[in-house]
Amino acid sequence: MTQQTPPPASRFQRVLAYIVAALVVVSLVCIAAVLIGSALGGMPQQGSGQGLWPVVFLFPLIAFPVAFVLLIVLLVVTARQRRLEAKAAQGQQGPKGRR
């Protein structure tokens, strides 16, 4: 039995994967900043509606759903690529059945 190596990911797939990872990581950093800021007293009572805090609050609310949708797109693109490669490999082996 031969070992099959998975085909290399396309540039589009790598870019999508990096975008998803970056969105999730930055969102988690924003959530940590909100938790630390609230523990240190930098929330609404201290004027958190000014400066960078509104962005820190809203970024995870937008980035997590976008990352989820991009992850679904990445899964679909990868499945489609593998299906096409399997179909091409099956075509090279020839028809199976009686001889």
N, C-alpha and C. Protein backbone atom coordinates (compact mmCIF):
# COMPACT_ATOMS: atom_id res chain seq x y z
N MET A 1 0.84 -1.18 0.00
CA MET A 1 0.00 0.00 0.00
C MET A 1 0.89 1.24 0.00
N THR A 2 0.59 2.17 -0.83
CA THR A 2 1.40 3.38 -0.93
C THR A 2 0.86 4.46 -0.01
N GLN A 3 1.79 5.26 0.45
CA GLN A 3 1.38 6.40 1.28
C GLN A 3 1.06 7.57 0.37
N GLN A 4 -0.06 8.18 0.64
CA GLN A 4 -0.44 9.34 -0.15
C GLN A 4 -0.22 10.59 0.67
N THR A 5 0.48 11.54 0.10
CA THR A 5 0.66 12.81 0.78
C THR A 5 -0.47 13.74 0.35
N PRO A 6 -0.98 14.52 1.29
CA PRO A 6 -2.06 15.44 0.90
C PRO A 6 -1.52 16.51 -0.05
N PRO A 7 -2.35 16.94 -0.97
CA PRO A 7 -1.90 17.97 -1.90
C PRO A 7 -1.65 19.28 -1.17
N PRO A 8 -0.71 20.07 -1.66
CA PRO A 8 -0.45 21.35 -0.99
C PRO A 8 -1.65 22.28 -1.13
N ALA A 9 -1.84 23.10 -0.12
CA ALA A 9 -2.95 24.05 -0.13
C ALA A 9 -2.66 25.16 -1.15
N SER A 10 -3.71 25.64 -1.76
CA SER A 10 -3.54 26.73 -2.71
C SER A 10 -3.29 28.04 -1.96
N ARG A 11 -2.87 29.03 -2.69
CA ARG A 11 -2.61 30.33 -2.07
C ARG A 11 -3.88 30.90 -1.46
N PHE A 12 -5.00 30.73 -2.16
CA PHE A 12 -6.29 31.22 -1.65
C PHE A 12 -6.64 30.56 -0.32
N GLN A 13 -6.41 29.26 -0.21
CA GLN A 13 -6.71 28.55 1.03
C GLN A 13 -5.81 29.02 2.17
N ARG A 14 -4.53 29.23 1.87
CA ARG A 14 -3.62 29.71 2.92
C ARG A 14 -4.00 31.10 3.39
N VAL A 15 -4.35 31.97 2.45
CA VAL A 15 -4.74 33.33 2.81
C VAL A 15 -6.00 33.31 3.67
N LEU A 16 -6.98 32.49 3.27
CA LEU A 16 -8.21 32.38 4.06
C LEU A 16 -7.91 31.87 5.47
N ALA A 17 -7.06 30.87 5.57
CA ALA A 17 -6.73 30.32 6.88
C ALA A 17 -6.04 31.36 7.76
N TYR A 18 -5.12 32.13 7.20
CA TYR A 18 -4.44 33.17 7.97
C TYR A 18 -5.40 34.29 8.38
N ILE A 19 -6.32 34.64 7.51
CA ILE A 19 -7.29 35.68 7.86
C ILE A 19 -8.18 35.21 9.01
N VAL A 20 -8.65 33.96 8.93
CA VAL A 20 -9.49 33.42 10.01
C VAL A 20 -8.71 33.41 11.32
N ALA A 21 -7.48 32.93 11.28
CA ALA A 21 -6.66 32.87 12.50
C ALA A 21 -6.41 34.27 13.06
N ALA A 22 -6.11 35.23 12.20
CA ALA A 22 -5.85 36.59 12.67
C ALA A 22 -7.09 37.21 13.29
N LEU A 23 -8.25 37.02 12.67
CA LEU A 23 -9.49 37.57 13.23
C LEU A 23 -9.78 36.99 14.60
N VAL A 24 -9.60 35.69 14.74
CA VAL A 24 -9.88 35.04 16.03
C VAL A 24 -8.89 35.51 17.10
N VAL A 25 -7.62 35.58 16.75
CA VAL A 25 -6.60 36.00 17.73
C VAL A 25 -6.83 37.45 18.16
N VAL A 26 -7.06 38.33 17.21
CA VAL A 26 -7.28 39.75 17.57
C VAL A 26 -8.57 39.89 18.38
N SER A 27 -9.59 39.12 18.07
CA SER A 27 -10.83 39.17 18.84
C SER A 27 -10.60 38.71 20.28
N LEU A 28 -9.82 37.65 20.44
CA LEU A 28 -9.53 37.18 21.79
C LEU A 28 -8.69 38.19 22.58
N VAL A 29 -7.78 38.88 21.88
CA VAL A 29 -7.02 39.94 22.55
C VAL A 29 -7.94 41.08 22.97
N CYS A 30 -8.91 41.43 22.12
CA CYS A 30 -9.87 42.48 22.47
C CYS A 30 -10.72 42.07 23.67
N ILE A 31 -11.14 40.83 23.71
CA ILE A 31 -11.92 40.35 24.85
C ILE A 31 -11.08 40.41 26.13
N ALA A 32 -9.81 39.99 26.03
CA ALA A 32 -8.93 40.07 27.19
C ALA A 32 -8.74 41.52 27.62
N ALA A 33 -8.63 42.45 26.66
CA ALA A 33 -8.47 43.87 26.99
C ALA A 33 -9.71 44.40 27.70
N VAL A 34 -10.89 43.97 27.27
CA VAL A 34 -12.12 44.41 27.93
C VAL A 34 -12.17 43.87 29.35
N LEU A 35 -11.80 42.61 29.53
CA LEU A 35 -11.81 42.02 30.88
C LEU A 35 -10.80 42.73 31.79
N ILE A 36 -9.62 42.96 31.28
CA ILE A 36 -8.60 43.64 32.09
C ILE A 36 -8.99 45.09 32.35
N GLY A 37 -9.53 45.74 31.32
CA GLY A 37 -9.95 47.13 31.50
C GLY A 37 -11.08 47.28 32.50
N SER A 38 -12.01 46.32 32.48
CA SER A 38 -13.10 46.40 33.46
C SER A 38 -12.60 46.09 34.86
N ALA A 39 -11.62 45.21 34.97
CA ALA A 39 -11.05 44.91 36.30
C ALA A 39 -10.27 46.09 36.85
N LEU A 40 -9.68 46.87 35.96
CA LEU A 40 -8.90 48.03 36.40
C LEU A 40 -9.73 49.30 36.51
N GLY A 41 -11.00 49.21 36.15
CA GLY A 41 -11.89 50.35 36.30
C GLY A 41 -11.93 51.27 35.10
N GLY A 42 -11.65 50.80 33.91
CA GLY A 42 -11.66 51.65 32.73
C GLY A 42 -12.91 51.50 31.90
N MET A 43 -14.04 51.29 32.51
CA MET A 43 -15.28 51.03 31.78
C MET A 43 -16.21 52.24 31.84
N PRO A 44 -17.50 52.09 31.59
CA PRO A 44 -18.40 53.22 31.38
C PRO A 44 -18.32 54.33 32.43
N GLN A 45 -18.10 53.96 33.65
CA GLN A 45 -18.03 55.00 34.68
C GLN A 45 -16.84 55.93 34.45
N GLN A 46 -15.80 55.40 33.82
CA GLN A 46 -14.60 56.20 33.59
C GLN A 46 -14.53 56.74 32.16
N GLY A 47 -15.61 56.72 31.42
CA GLY A 47 -15.63 57.30 30.08
C GLY A 47 -15.10 56.37 29.02
N SER A 48 -15.53 55.11 29.03
CA SER A 48 -15.00 54.16 28.06
C SER A 48 -15.60 54.35 26.67
N GLY A 49 -16.59 55.24 26.53
CA GLY A 49 -17.17 55.50 25.22
C GLY A 49 -16.30 56.42 24.38
N GLN A 50 -15.11 56.70 24.85
CA GLN A 50 -14.21 57.60 24.15
C GLN A 50 -12.93 56.86 23.79
N GLY A 51 -12.26 57.35 22.80
CA GLY A 51 -10.98 56.77 22.42
C GLY A 51 -11.13 55.46 21.69
N LEU A 52 -10.30 54.50 22.06
CA LEU A 52 -10.23 53.22 21.39
C LEU A 52 -11.21 52.18 21.94
N TRP A 53 -11.81 52.41 23.11
CA TRP A 53 -12.66 51.41 23.75
C TRP A 53 -13.87 50.98 22.90
N PRO A 54 -14.55 51.86 22.20
CA PRO A 54 -15.67 51.38 21.38
C PRO A 54 -15.23 50.35 20.32
N VAL A 55 -14.06 50.54 19.74
CA VAL A 55 -13.55 49.59 18.76
C VAL A 55 -13.23 48.26 19.43
N VAL A 56 -12.63 48.34 20.62
CA VAL A 56 -12.27 47.13 21.35
C VAL A 56 -13.54 46.36 21.74
N PHE A 57 -14.60 47.06 22.07
CA PHE A 57 -15.87 46.39 22.41
C PHE A 57 -16.52 45.75 21.18
N LEU A 58 -16.53 46.46 20.07
CA LEU A 58 -17.29 46.01 18.90
C LEU A 58 -16.55 45.05 17.98
N PHE A 59 -15.23 45.08 18.01
CA PHE A 59 -14.46 44.25 17.08
C PHE A 59 -14.80 42.76 17.21
N PRO A 60 -14.83 42.17 18.42
CA PRO A 60 -15.18 40.74 18.50
C PRO A 60 -16.61 40.44 18.04
N LEU A 61 -17.51 41.39 18.21
CA LEU A 61 -18.89 41.17 17.78
C LEU A 61 -19.00 41.05 16.26
N ILE A 62 -18.08 41.67 15.55
CA ILE A 62 -18.09 41.61 14.09
C ILE A 62 -17.13 40.54 13.59
N ALA A 63 -15.96 40.43 14.21
CA ALA A 63 -14.90 39.56 13.70
C ALA A 63 -15.22 38.07 13.88
N PHE A 64 -15.84 37.68 15.00
CA PHE A 64 -16.14 36.26 15.19
C PHE A 64 -17.11 35.73 14.13
N PRO A 65 -18.22 36.42 13.83
CA PRO A 65 -19.09 35.90 12.76
C PRO A 65 -18.42 35.90 11.39
N VAL A 66 -17.61 36.92 11.11
CA VAL A 66 -16.91 36.95 9.83
C VAL A 66 -15.92 35.79 9.75
N ALA A 67 -15.20 35.52 10.83
CA ALA A 67 -14.26 34.40 10.86
C ALA A 67 -14.99 33.07 10.67
N PHE A 68 -16.16 32.94 11.27
CA PHE A 68 -16.95 31.72 11.13
C PHE A 68 -17.37 31.51 9.67
N VAL A 69 -17.85 32.56 9.03
CA VAL A 69 -18.26 32.46 7.62
C VAL A 69 -17.05 32.13 6.74
N LEU A 70 -15.91 32.76 7.00
CA LEU A 70 -14.71 32.47 6.21
C LEU A 70 -14.22 31.04 6.45
N LEU A 71 -14.41 30.53 7.65
CA LEU A 71 -14.04 29.15 7.93
C LEU A 71 -14.92 28.18 7.15
N ILE A 72 -16.20 28.48 7.05
CA ILE A 72 -17.12 27.67 6.24
C ILE A 72 -16.69 27.72 4.77
N VAL A 73 -16.35 28.91 4.28
CA VAL A 73 -15.88 29.05 2.90
C VAL A 73 -14.62 28.23 2.68
N LEU A 74 -13.70 28.27 3.63
CA LEU A 74 -12.46 27.49 3.52
C LEU A 74 -12.76 25.99 3.47
N LEU A 75 -13.68 25.52 4.28
CA LEU A 75 -14.04 24.10 4.26
C LEU A 75 -14.66 23.71 2.92
N VAL A 76 -15.52 24.55 2.38
CA VAL A 76 -16.15 24.25 1.09
C VAL A 76 -15.12 24.22 -0.03
N VAL A 77 -14.22 25.20 -0.04
CA VAL A 77 -13.19 25.26 -1.08
C VAL A 77 -12.28 24.04 -1.00
N THR A 78 -11.89 23.66 0.21
CA THR A 78 -11.03 22.49 0.39
C THR A 78 -11.74 21.21 -0.03
N ALA A 79 -13.00 21.06 0.34
CA ALA A 79 -13.75 19.86 -0.05
C ALA A 79 -13.91 19.80 -1.56
N ARG A 80 -14.16 20.91 -2.18
CA ARG A 80 -14.32 20.94 -3.64
C ARG A 80 -13.01 20.57 -4.34
N GLN A 81 -11.90 21.09 -3.82
CA GLN A 81 -10.60 20.78 -4.41
C GLN A 81 -10.30 19.28 -4.27
N ARG A 82 -10.55 18.72 -3.11
CA ARG A 82 -10.29 17.29 -2.91
C ARG A 82 -11.19 16.43 -3.78
N ARG A 83 -12.44 16.84 -3.93
CA ARG A 83 -13.36 16.07 -4.77
C ARG A 83 -12.87 16.07 -6.22
N LEU A 84 -12.42 17.23 -6.71
CA LEU A 84 -11.92 17.30 -8.08
C LEU A 84 -10.65 16.47 -8.25
N GLU A 85 -9.77 16.48 -7.25
CA GLU A 85 -8.55 15.68 -7.33
C GLU A 85 -8.86 14.19 -7.28
N ALA A 86 -9.82 13.79 -6.47
CA ALA A 86 -10.22 12.39 -6.40
C ALA A 86 -10.83 11.94 -7.72
N LYS A 87 -11.63 12.81 -8.32
CA LYS A 87 -12.25 12.48 -9.60
C LYS A 87 -11.17 12.36 -10.69
N ALA A 88 -10.18 13.23 -10.66
CA ALA A 88 -9.10 13.17 -11.64
C ALA A 88 -8.26 11.91 -11.44
N ALA A 89 -8.00 11.54 -10.19
CA ALA A 89 -7.22 10.33 -9.90
C ALA A 89 -8.00 9.09 -10.31
N GLN A 90 -9.29 9.10 -10.13
CA GLN A 90 -10.11 7.97 -10.52
C GLN A 90 -10.14 7.82 -12.04
N GLY A 91 -10.14 8.92 -12.73
CA GLY A 91 -10.12 8.89 -14.20
C GLY A 91 -8.82 8.35 -14.74
N GLN A 92 -7.71 8.55 -14.02
CA GLN A 92 -6.41 8.05 -14.47
C GLN A 92 -6.28 6.55 -14.26
N GLN A 93 -6.97 5.99 -13.28
CA GLN A 93 -6.87 4.56 -12.98
C GLN A 93 -7.64 3.73 -13.98
N GLY A 94 -8.59 4.32 -14.63
CA GLY A 94 -9.37 3.58 -15.60
C GLY A 94 -10.64 3.06 -14.96
N PRO A 95 -11.53 2.52 -15.79
CA PRO A 95 -12.80 2.03 -15.26
C PRO A 95 -12.59 0.74 -14.46
N LYS A 96 -13.39 0.62 -13.41
CA LYS A 96 -13.33 -0.58 -12.58
C LYS A 96 -14.53 -1.45 -12.92
N GLY A 97 -14.35 -2.74 -12.83
CA GLY A 97 -15.44 -3.65 -13.11
C GLY A 97 -14.91 -4.90 -13.77
N ARG A 98 -15.75 -5.57 -14.51
CA ARG A 98 -15.35 -6.80 -15.17
C ARG A 98 -14.36 -6.52 -16.30
N ARG A 99 -13.53 -7.50 -16.50
CA ARG A 99 -12.58 -7.39 -17.62
C ARG A 99 -12.72 -8.56 -18.53
